[in-house]
N, C-alpha and C. Protein backbone atom coordinates (compact mmCIF):
# COMPACT_ATOMS: atom_id res chain seq x y z
N UNK A 1 14.02 -26.08 -10.76
CA UNK A 1 15.37 -25.34 -11.25
C UNK A 1 16.02 -24.53 -10.26
N UNK A 2 17.28 -25.12 -9.88
CA UNK A 2 17.81 -24.44 -8.82
C UNK A 2 19.01 -23.32 -9.23
N UNK A 3 19.19 -23.35 -10.44
CA UNK A 3 20.14 -22.41 -11.05
C UNK A 3 19.41 -21.00 -11.10
N UNK A 4 19.76 -20.03 -10.36
CA UNK A 4 19.20 -18.70 -10.31
C UNK A 4 19.18 -18.06 -11.66
N UNK A 5 20.32 -18.13 -12.58
CA UNK A 5 20.36 -17.81 -13.93
C UNK A 5 19.20 -18.40 -14.72
N UNK A 6 19.28 -19.48 -14.52
CA UNK A 6 18.17 -20.31 -15.43
C UNK A 6 16.65 -19.89 -14.96
N UNK A 7 16.50 -19.81 -13.67
CA UNK A 7 15.11 -19.38 -13.23
C UNK A 7 14.75 -17.83 -13.75
N UNK A 8 15.87 -17.04 -13.81
CA UNK A 8 15.70 -15.63 -14.36
C UNK A 8 15.10 -15.55 -15.88
N UNK A 9 15.66 -16.73 -16.53
CA UNK A 9 15.56 -16.64 -17.95
C UNK A 9 14.25 -17.20 -18.17
N UNK A 10 13.77 -18.23 -17.20
CA UNK A 10 12.50 -18.91 -17.57
C UNK A 10 11.38 -17.88 -17.15
N UNK A 11 11.53 -17.18 -16.07
CA UNK A 11 10.50 -16.24 -15.62
C UNK A 11 10.53 -15.14 -16.76
N UNK A 12 11.63 -14.73 -17.42
CA UNK A 12 11.46 -13.70 -18.47
C UNK A 12 10.79 -14.23 -19.73
N UNK A 13 10.98 -15.52 -20.02
CA UNK A 13 10.06 -16.05 -20.95
C UNK A 13 8.72 -16.13 -20.88
N UNK A 14 8.33 -16.56 -19.67
CA UNK A 14 6.93 -16.62 -19.29
C UNK A 14 6.35 -15.23 -19.32
N UNK A 15 7.03 -14.03 -18.76
CA UNK A 15 6.59 -12.81 -18.83
C UNK A 15 6.53 -12.38 -20.30
N UNK A 16 7.34 -12.89 -20.97
CA UNK A 16 7.39 -12.43 -22.42
C UNK A 16 5.94 -13.00 -23.16
N UNK A 17 5.61 -14.08 -22.85
CA UNK A 17 4.49 -14.80 -23.31
C UNK A 17 3.29 -14.14 -22.93
N UNK A 18 3.25 -13.69 -21.50
CA UNK A 18 2.04 -13.05 -21.06
C UNK A 18 1.95 -11.64 -21.60
N UNK A 19 3.20 -10.90 -21.66
CA UNK A 19 2.98 -9.41 -22.09
C UNK A 19 2.57 -9.41 -23.74
N UNK A 20 3.37 -10.45 -24.57
CA UNK A 20 2.91 -10.70 -26.04
C UNK A 20 1.46 -10.80 -26.07
N UNK A 21 0.83 -11.65 -25.51
CA UNK A 21 -0.62 -11.79 -25.39
C UNK A 21 -1.33 -10.63 -25.18
N UNK A 22 -1.11 -10.02 -24.02
CA UNK A 22 -1.66 -8.96 -23.62
C UNK A 22 -1.61 -7.57 -24.40
N UNK A 23 -0.39 -7.38 -24.69
CA UNK A 23 0.07 -6.08 -25.61
C UNK A 23 -0.41 -6.23 -27.04
N UNK A 24 -0.53 -7.39 -27.55
CA UNK A 24 -0.82 -7.64 -28.84
C UNK A 24 -2.31 -7.61 -29.13
N UNK A 25 -3.29 -7.74 -28.06
CA UNK A 25 -4.58 -7.71 -28.11
C UNK A 25 -5.32 -6.36 -27.89
N UNK A 26 -6.73 -6.33 -27.63
CA UNK A 26 -7.51 -5.30 -27.30
C UNK A 26 -7.68 -5.28 -25.67
N UNK A 27 -6.92 -4.38 -25.01
CA UNK A 27 -6.99 -4.38 -23.67
C UNK A 27 -8.28 -4.38 -23.14
N UNK A 28 -9.25 -3.84 -23.53
CA UNK A 28 -10.73 -3.66 -22.87
C UNK A 28 -11.30 -5.07 -22.92
N UNK A 29 -10.95 -5.98 -23.88
CA UNK A 29 -11.46 -7.29 -23.86
C UNK A 29 -10.83 -8.14 -22.92
N UNK A 30 -9.71 -7.88 -22.43
CA UNK A 30 -9.25 -8.79 -21.29
C UNK A 30 -9.39 -8.43 -19.81
N UNK A 31 -9.80 -9.41 -19.01
CA UNK A 31 -9.90 -9.20 -17.66
C UNK A 31 -8.60 -8.69 -17.11
N UNK A 32 -8.64 -7.83 -15.87
CA UNK A 32 -7.43 -7.56 -15.38
C UNK A 32 -6.67 -8.70 -14.78
N UNK A 33 -5.42 -8.54 -14.94
CA UNK A 33 -4.47 -9.66 -14.19
C UNK A 33 -3.38 -8.90 -13.56
N UNK A 34 -3.25 -9.57 -12.27
CA UNK A 34 -2.27 -9.07 -11.21
C UNK A 34 -1.18 -10.16 -11.18
N UNK A 35 0.01 -9.84 -11.58
CA UNK A 35 1.21 -10.79 -11.16
C UNK A 35 1.97 -10.60 -9.97
N UNK A 36 2.13 -11.38 -9.00
CA UNK A 36 2.82 -11.27 -7.87
C UNK A 36 4.07 -11.67 -7.89
N UNK A 37 5.07 -10.82 -7.72
CA UNK A 37 6.60 -11.14 -7.60
C UNK A 37 7.07 -10.97 -6.38
N UNK A 38 7.29 -11.89 -5.56
CA UNK A 38 8.02 -11.96 -4.40
C UNK A 38 9.54 -12.13 -4.50
N UNK A 39 10.36 -11.41 -3.85
CA UNK A 39 11.66 -11.39 -3.95
C UNK A 39 12.09 -11.11 -5.43
N UNK A 40 11.54 -9.85 -5.99
CA UNK A 40 11.68 -9.35 -7.30
C UNK A 40 13.03 -8.87 -7.66
N UNK A 41 13.89 -9.00 -6.60
CA UNK A 41 15.39 -8.63 -6.95
C UNK A 41 16.11 -9.69 -7.77
N UNK A 42 15.42 -10.86 -7.83
CA UNK A 42 15.82 -11.96 -8.76
C UNK A 42 15.51 -11.88 -10.15
N UNK A 43 14.49 -10.78 -10.40
CA UNK A 43 14.00 -10.55 -11.87
C UNK A 43 15.13 -9.74 -12.37
N UNK A 44 15.01 -9.60 -13.73
CA UNK A 44 15.74 -8.83 -14.55
C UNK A 44 14.96 -7.49 -14.67
N UNK A 45 15.43 -6.28 -13.85
CA UNK A 45 14.68 -5.12 -13.91
C UNK A 45 15.28 -4.18 -14.83
N UNK A 46 16.07 -4.46 -15.74
CA UNK A 46 16.66 -3.75 -16.63
C UNK A 46 15.70 -2.91 -17.64
N UNK A 47 16.13 -1.98 -18.35
CA UNK A 47 15.21 -1.29 -19.34
C UNK A 47 15.00 -2.42 -20.39
N UNK A 48 13.94 -2.44 -20.94
CA UNK A 48 13.47 -3.44 -21.90
C UNK A 48 13.10 -4.79 -21.56
N UNK A 49 13.42 -5.02 -20.31
CA UNK A 49 12.84 -6.39 -19.72
C UNK A 49 11.39 -6.44 -19.51
N UNK A 50 10.71 -7.59 -19.56
CA UNK A 50 9.26 -7.67 -19.53
C UNK A 50 8.69 -7.24 -18.27
N UNK A 51 9.50 -7.43 -16.98
CA UNK A 51 9.17 -7.02 -15.79
C UNK A 51 9.03 -5.36 -15.71
N UNK A 52 10.05 -4.82 -16.40
CA UNK A 52 10.16 -3.43 -16.41
C UNK A 52 9.11 -2.81 -17.40
N UNK A 53 8.70 -3.52 -18.29
CA UNK A 53 7.58 -3.02 -19.26
C UNK A 53 6.26 -3.18 -18.52
N UNK A 54 6.05 -4.20 -17.53
CA UNK A 54 4.77 -4.31 -16.91
C UNK A 54 4.78 -3.03 -15.96
N UNK A 55 5.66 -2.90 -15.27
CA UNK A 55 5.73 -1.61 -14.42
C UNK A 55 5.57 -0.05 -15.11
N UNK A 56 6.20 -0.09 -16.30
CA UNK A 56 6.09 1.00 -16.99
C UNK A 56 4.69 1.36 -17.77
N UNK A 57 4.30 0.29 -18.37
CA UNK A 57 2.99 0.59 -19.35
C UNK A 57 1.94 -0.67 -19.25
N UNK A 58 2.23 -1.57 -18.01
CA UNK A 58 1.20 -2.76 -17.97
C UNK A 58 -0.28 -2.29 -17.74
N UNK A 59 -0.38 -1.09 -17.10
CA UNK A 59 -1.86 -0.70 -16.57
C UNK A 59 -2.77 -0.53 -17.87
N UNK A 60 -2.22 0.14 -18.74
CA UNK A 60 -3.11 0.16 -20.10
C UNK A 60 -3.29 -1.11 -20.98
N UNK A 61 -2.86 -2.11 -20.39
CA UNK A 61 -3.20 -3.30 -20.83
C UNK A 61 -3.99 -4.30 -19.96
N UNK A 62 -4.32 -3.73 -18.90
CA UNK A 62 -4.97 -4.22 -17.64
C UNK A 62 -4.17 -5.47 -17.21
N UNK A 63 -2.87 -4.97 -17.16
CA UNK A 63 -1.89 -6.02 -16.67
C UNK A 63 -0.91 -5.26 -15.59
N UNK A 64 -1.07 -5.81 -14.30
CA UNK A 64 -0.47 -5.00 -13.24
C UNK A 64 0.42 -6.19 -12.47
N UNK A 65 1.49 -5.57 -11.77
CA UNK A 65 2.29 -6.34 -10.93
C UNK A 65 2.52 -5.72 -9.55
N UNK A 66 2.69 -6.75 -8.68
CA UNK A 66 3.05 -6.48 -7.39
C UNK A 66 4.44 -7.01 -6.96
N UNK A 67 5.32 -6.01 -6.93
CA UNK A 67 6.68 -6.27 -6.86
C UNK A 67 7.22 -6.19 -5.25
N UNK A 68 7.51 -7.33 -4.72
CA UNK A 68 8.12 -7.26 -3.40
C UNK A 68 9.56 -7.63 -3.22
N UNK A 69 10.38 -6.85 -2.39
CA UNK A 69 11.65 -6.99 -2.41
C UNK A 69 12.17 -6.50 -1.14
N UNK A 70 13.23 -7.17 -0.54
CA UNK A 70 13.84 -6.51 0.80
C UNK A 70 14.90 -5.69 0.39
N UNK A 71 15.42 -5.59 -0.59
CA UNK A 71 16.34 -4.72 -1.16
C UNK A 71 16.55 -4.69 -2.54
N UNK A 72 17.17 -3.33 -2.99
CA UNK A 72 17.16 -3.16 -4.36
C UNK A 72 18.68 -2.91 -4.56
N UNK A 73 19.32 -3.52 -5.46
CA UNK A 73 20.75 -3.74 -5.61
C UNK A 73 21.37 -2.39 -6.48
N UNK A 74 20.79 -1.87 -7.23
CA UNK A 74 21.44 -0.85 -7.89
C UNK A 74 20.39 0.16 -8.42
N UNK A 75 20.82 1.42 -9.08
CA UNK A 75 19.90 2.52 -9.57
C UNK A 75 19.07 2.13 -10.66
N UNK A 76 19.54 1.00 -11.50
CA UNK A 76 18.57 0.75 -12.57
C UNK A 76 17.37 -0.01 -11.92
N UNK A 77 17.66 -0.91 -10.94
CA UNK A 77 16.24 -1.48 -10.28
C UNK A 77 15.66 -0.53 -9.57
N UNK A 78 16.33 0.36 -8.99
CA UNK A 78 15.41 1.52 -8.14
C UNK A 78 14.59 2.33 -9.13
N UNK A 79 15.32 2.48 -10.31
CA UNK A 79 14.47 3.46 -11.48
C UNK A 79 13.40 2.59 -11.93
N UNK A 80 13.52 1.27 -12.12
CA UNK A 80 12.39 0.36 -12.70
C UNK A 80 11.31 0.47 -11.53
N UNK A 81 11.58 0.33 -10.55
CA UNK A 81 10.50 0.16 -9.35
C UNK A 81 9.84 1.47 -8.88
N UNK A 82 10.79 2.49 -9.45
CA UNK A 82 10.08 3.97 -9.06
C UNK A 82 8.94 4.30 -9.96
N UNK A 83 8.45 3.20 -11.03
CA UNK A 83 7.47 3.25 -11.81
C UNK A 83 5.95 2.95 -11.04
N UNK A 84 6.39 2.28 -9.81
CA UNK A 84 5.15 1.60 -9.29
C UNK A 84 4.23 2.92 -8.64
N UNK A 85 2.82 2.67 -8.90
CA UNK A 85 2.08 3.67 -8.39
C UNK A 85 1.77 3.75 -6.93
N UNK A 86 2.24 2.62 -6.17
CA UNK A 86 1.95 2.42 -4.66
C UNK A 86 3.26 1.82 -4.08
N UNK A 87 3.82 2.45 -3.24
CA UNK A 87 5.16 1.87 -2.66
C UNK A 87 4.69 1.59 -1.04
N UNK A 88 5.24 0.59 -0.63
CA UNK A 88 4.91 0.11 0.94
C UNK A 88 6.29 -0.18 1.44
N UNK A 89 6.66 0.60 2.50
CA UNK A 89 8.02 0.28 3.26
C UNK A 89 7.51 -0.20 4.59
N UNK A 90 8.38 -1.17 4.95
CA UNK A 90 8.27 -1.98 6.31
C UNK A 90 9.43 -1.57 6.92
N UNK A 91 9.86 -1.98 8.11
CA UNK A 91 11.01 -1.52 9.05
C UNK A 91 12.24 -1.85 8.04
N UNK A 92 13.16 -0.80 7.97
CA UNK A 92 14.42 -0.93 7.28
C UNK A 92 15.59 -0.61 8.20
N UNK A 93 16.83 -0.93 7.72
CA UNK A 93 17.91 -0.87 8.63
C UNK A 93 19.13 -0.40 7.69
N UNK A 94 20.16 0.18 8.32
CA UNK A 94 21.48 0.43 7.41
C UNK A 94 21.50 1.29 6.38
N UNK A 95 21.96 0.61 5.19
CA UNK A 95 22.38 1.44 4.10
C UNK A 95 20.90 1.46 3.14
N UNK A 96 20.19 0.51 3.45
CA UNK A 96 18.87 0.34 2.74
C UNK A 96 18.04 1.33 3.21
N UNK A 97 18.06 1.64 4.53
CA UNK A 97 17.18 2.71 5.23
C UNK A 97 17.59 4.18 4.73
N UNK A 98 18.93 4.34 4.49
CA UNK A 98 19.47 5.32 4.07
C UNK A 98 19.16 5.92 2.59
N UNK A 99 19.27 4.92 1.89
CA UNK A 99 19.14 5.13 0.42
C UNK A 99 17.56 5.15 0.09
N UNK A 100 16.64 4.27 1.05
CA UNK A 100 14.98 4.58 0.60
C UNK A 100 14.87 5.87 1.10
N UNK A 101 15.25 6.46 2.23
CA UNK A 101 14.79 7.77 2.56
C UNK A 101 15.29 8.72 1.69
N UNK A 102 16.48 8.70 1.09
CA UNK A 102 17.03 9.54 0.18
C UNK A 102 15.94 9.61 -1.21
N UNK A 103 15.60 8.39 -1.59
CA UNK A 103 14.89 8.20 -2.65
C UNK A 103 13.43 8.85 -2.62
N UNK A 104 13.06 9.13 -1.20
CA UNK A 104 11.78 9.80 -1.14
C UNK A 104 11.81 11.07 -1.55
N UNK A 105 12.79 11.87 -1.88
CA UNK A 105 12.99 13.17 -2.46
C UNK A 105 12.52 14.15 -1.44
N UNK A 106 13.03 13.93 -0.12
CA UNK A 106 12.65 14.96 0.92
C UNK A 106 14.01 15.78 1.04
N UNK A 107 14.09 17.20 1.03
CA UNK A 107 15.00 17.97 0.91
C UNK A 107 15.51 18.39 2.35
N UNK A 108 14.38 18.49 3.03
CA UNK A 108 14.80 19.28 4.60
C UNK A 108 15.37 17.97 5.43
N UNK A 109 16.76 18.28 5.92
CA UNK A 109 17.40 17.30 6.55
C UNK A 109 16.72 16.91 7.97
N UNK A 110 15.98 17.75 8.74
CA UNK A 110 15.23 17.20 9.80
C UNK A 110 14.18 16.36 9.45
N UNK A 111 13.56 16.61 8.46
CA UNK A 111 12.38 15.63 7.92
C UNK A 111 12.93 14.36 7.76
N UNK A 112 13.99 14.14 6.91
CA UNK A 112 14.54 12.99 6.46
C UNK A 112 15.10 12.23 7.71
N UNK A 113 15.48 13.05 8.84
CA UNK A 113 16.03 12.03 9.95
C UNK A 113 14.87 11.57 10.60
N UNK A 114 13.57 12.31 10.64
CA UNK A 114 12.30 11.82 11.26
C UNK A 114 11.94 10.66 10.57
N UNK A 115 11.85 10.65 9.23
CA UNK A 115 11.59 9.46 8.37
C UNK A 115 12.44 8.09 8.70
N UNK A 116 13.78 8.56 8.80
CA UNK A 116 14.80 7.43 9.12
C UNK A 116 14.36 6.80 10.45
N UNK A 117 14.16 7.67 11.40
CA UNK A 117 13.85 7.06 12.84
C UNK A 117 12.38 6.36 12.62
N UNK A 118 11.48 6.84 11.89
CA UNK A 118 10.21 6.22 11.84
C UNK A 118 10.48 4.73 11.15
N UNK A 119 11.07 4.84 9.90
CA UNK A 119 11.12 3.64 9.37
C UNK A 119 12.24 2.40 9.88
N UNK A 120 12.97 3.05 10.79
CA UNK A 120 13.77 1.99 11.66
C UNK A 120 13.14 1.48 12.70
N UNK A 121 11.84 2.02 13.28
CA UNK A 121 11.48 1.70 14.52
C UNK A 121 9.94 1.20 14.30
N UNK A 122 9.48 1.20 13.09
CA UNK A 122 8.16 0.45 12.84
C UNK A 122 7.99 -0.91 13.64
N UNK A 123 7.00 -1.10 14.22
CA UNK A 123 6.74 -2.44 14.90
C UNK A 123 6.23 -3.37 13.67
N UNK A 124 6.46 -4.65 14.03
CA UNK A 124 5.95 -5.81 13.13
C UNK A 124 4.55 -5.57 12.58
N UNK A 125 4.45 -5.62 11.22
CA UNK A 125 3.03 -5.51 10.70
C UNK A 125 2.75 -4.10 10.15
N UNK A 126 3.34 -3.06 10.68
CA UNK A 126 3.06 -1.67 10.42
C UNK A 126 4.00 -1.19 9.26
N UNK A 127 3.49 -0.56 8.49
CA UNK A 127 4.26 0.10 7.35
C UNK A 127 3.86 1.40 7.03
N UNK A 128 4.94 2.17 6.17
CA UNK A 128 4.64 3.44 5.58
C UNK A 128 4.23 3.23 4.18
N UNK A 129 3.28 4.11 3.74
CA UNK A 129 3.09 3.84 2.16
C UNK A 129 3.05 5.24 1.60
N UNK A 130 3.41 5.09 0.27
CA UNK A 130 3.48 6.08 -0.53
C UNK A 130 2.47 6.05 -1.77
N UNK A 131 1.73 6.89 -1.94
CA UNK A 131 0.82 7.07 -3.24
C UNK A 131 1.11 8.47 -3.84
N UNK A 132 1.62 8.33 -4.94
CA UNK A 132 1.96 9.67 -5.58
C UNK A 132 3.08 10.26 -4.68
N UNK A 133 2.74 11.50 -4.25
CA UNK A 133 3.86 12.23 -3.39
C UNK A 133 3.37 12.15 -1.94
N UNK A 134 2.20 11.61 -1.57
CA UNK A 134 1.66 11.64 -0.41
C UNK A 134 2.30 10.44 0.36
N UNK A 135 2.51 10.58 1.85
CA UNK A 135 3.03 9.43 2.60
C UNK A 135 1.86 9.22 3.65
N UNK A 136 1.73 7.98 3.88
CA UNK A 136 0.87 7.60 4.91
C UNK A 136 1.20 6.53 5.85
N UNK A 137 0.82 6.54 7.04
CA UNK A 137 1.20 5.31 8.09
C UNK A 137 0.15 4.46 8.34
N UNK A 138 0.28 3.23 8.13
CA UNK A 138 -0.84 2.27 8.66
C UNK A 138 -0.86 2.11 10.06
N UNK A 139 -2.11 1.65 10.46
CA UNK A 139 -2.17 1.30 12.00
C UNK A 139 -1.56 -0.11 12.24
N UNK A 140 -1.08 0.00 13.36
CA UNK A 140 -0.27 -1.41 13.61
C UNK A 140 -1.38 -2.37 14.18
N UNK A 141 -1.28 -3.61 13.57
CA UNK A 141 -1.99 -4.50 13.79
C UNK A 141 -2.12 -5.08 15.23
N UNK A 142 -3.20 -5.67 15.66
CA UNK A 142 -3.01 -6.20 16.91
C UNK A 142 -2.65 -7.75 16.94
N UNK A 143 -1.40 -8.13 17.19
CA UNK A 143 -0.77 -9.28 17.18
C UNK A 143 -1.10 -10.38 18.30
N UNK A 144 -1.75 -11.33 18.10
CA UNK A 144 -1.97 -12.36 19.12
C UNK A 144 -0.60 -13.10 19.29
N UNK A 145 -0.39 -13.40 20.60
CA UNK A 145 0.80 -14.11 20.81
C UNK A 145 0.61 -15.44 21.67
């Protein structure tokens, strides 16, 4: 299916079937399921969508999601993705960089500028990750050329 709107509708229907089965049963009786969403900006991440429900309450149903995106289009998507327990940031640029650093909730201007510099200069494969309020820097991998 090449039409993006049709793809989004089909994914929402599939997520609805999965969520309905999971959320209507006994969570302890179900093995954990992790759904991987690459390019999640194509999903409907609006309040009430199944992707948003997975982010907000999926853990209590042994249902988790890994949401990957290169950009967030609006505050509604940013709000939905803020529900994630672990966030990973690779090198960023421009408005996405500034918006991301602003979303980290750092009030000190100098510290924000240090994070902007760090996130704009990360080498390929290295990332900054946030678990709760703590920030961590991964070790840069040894890349064979």
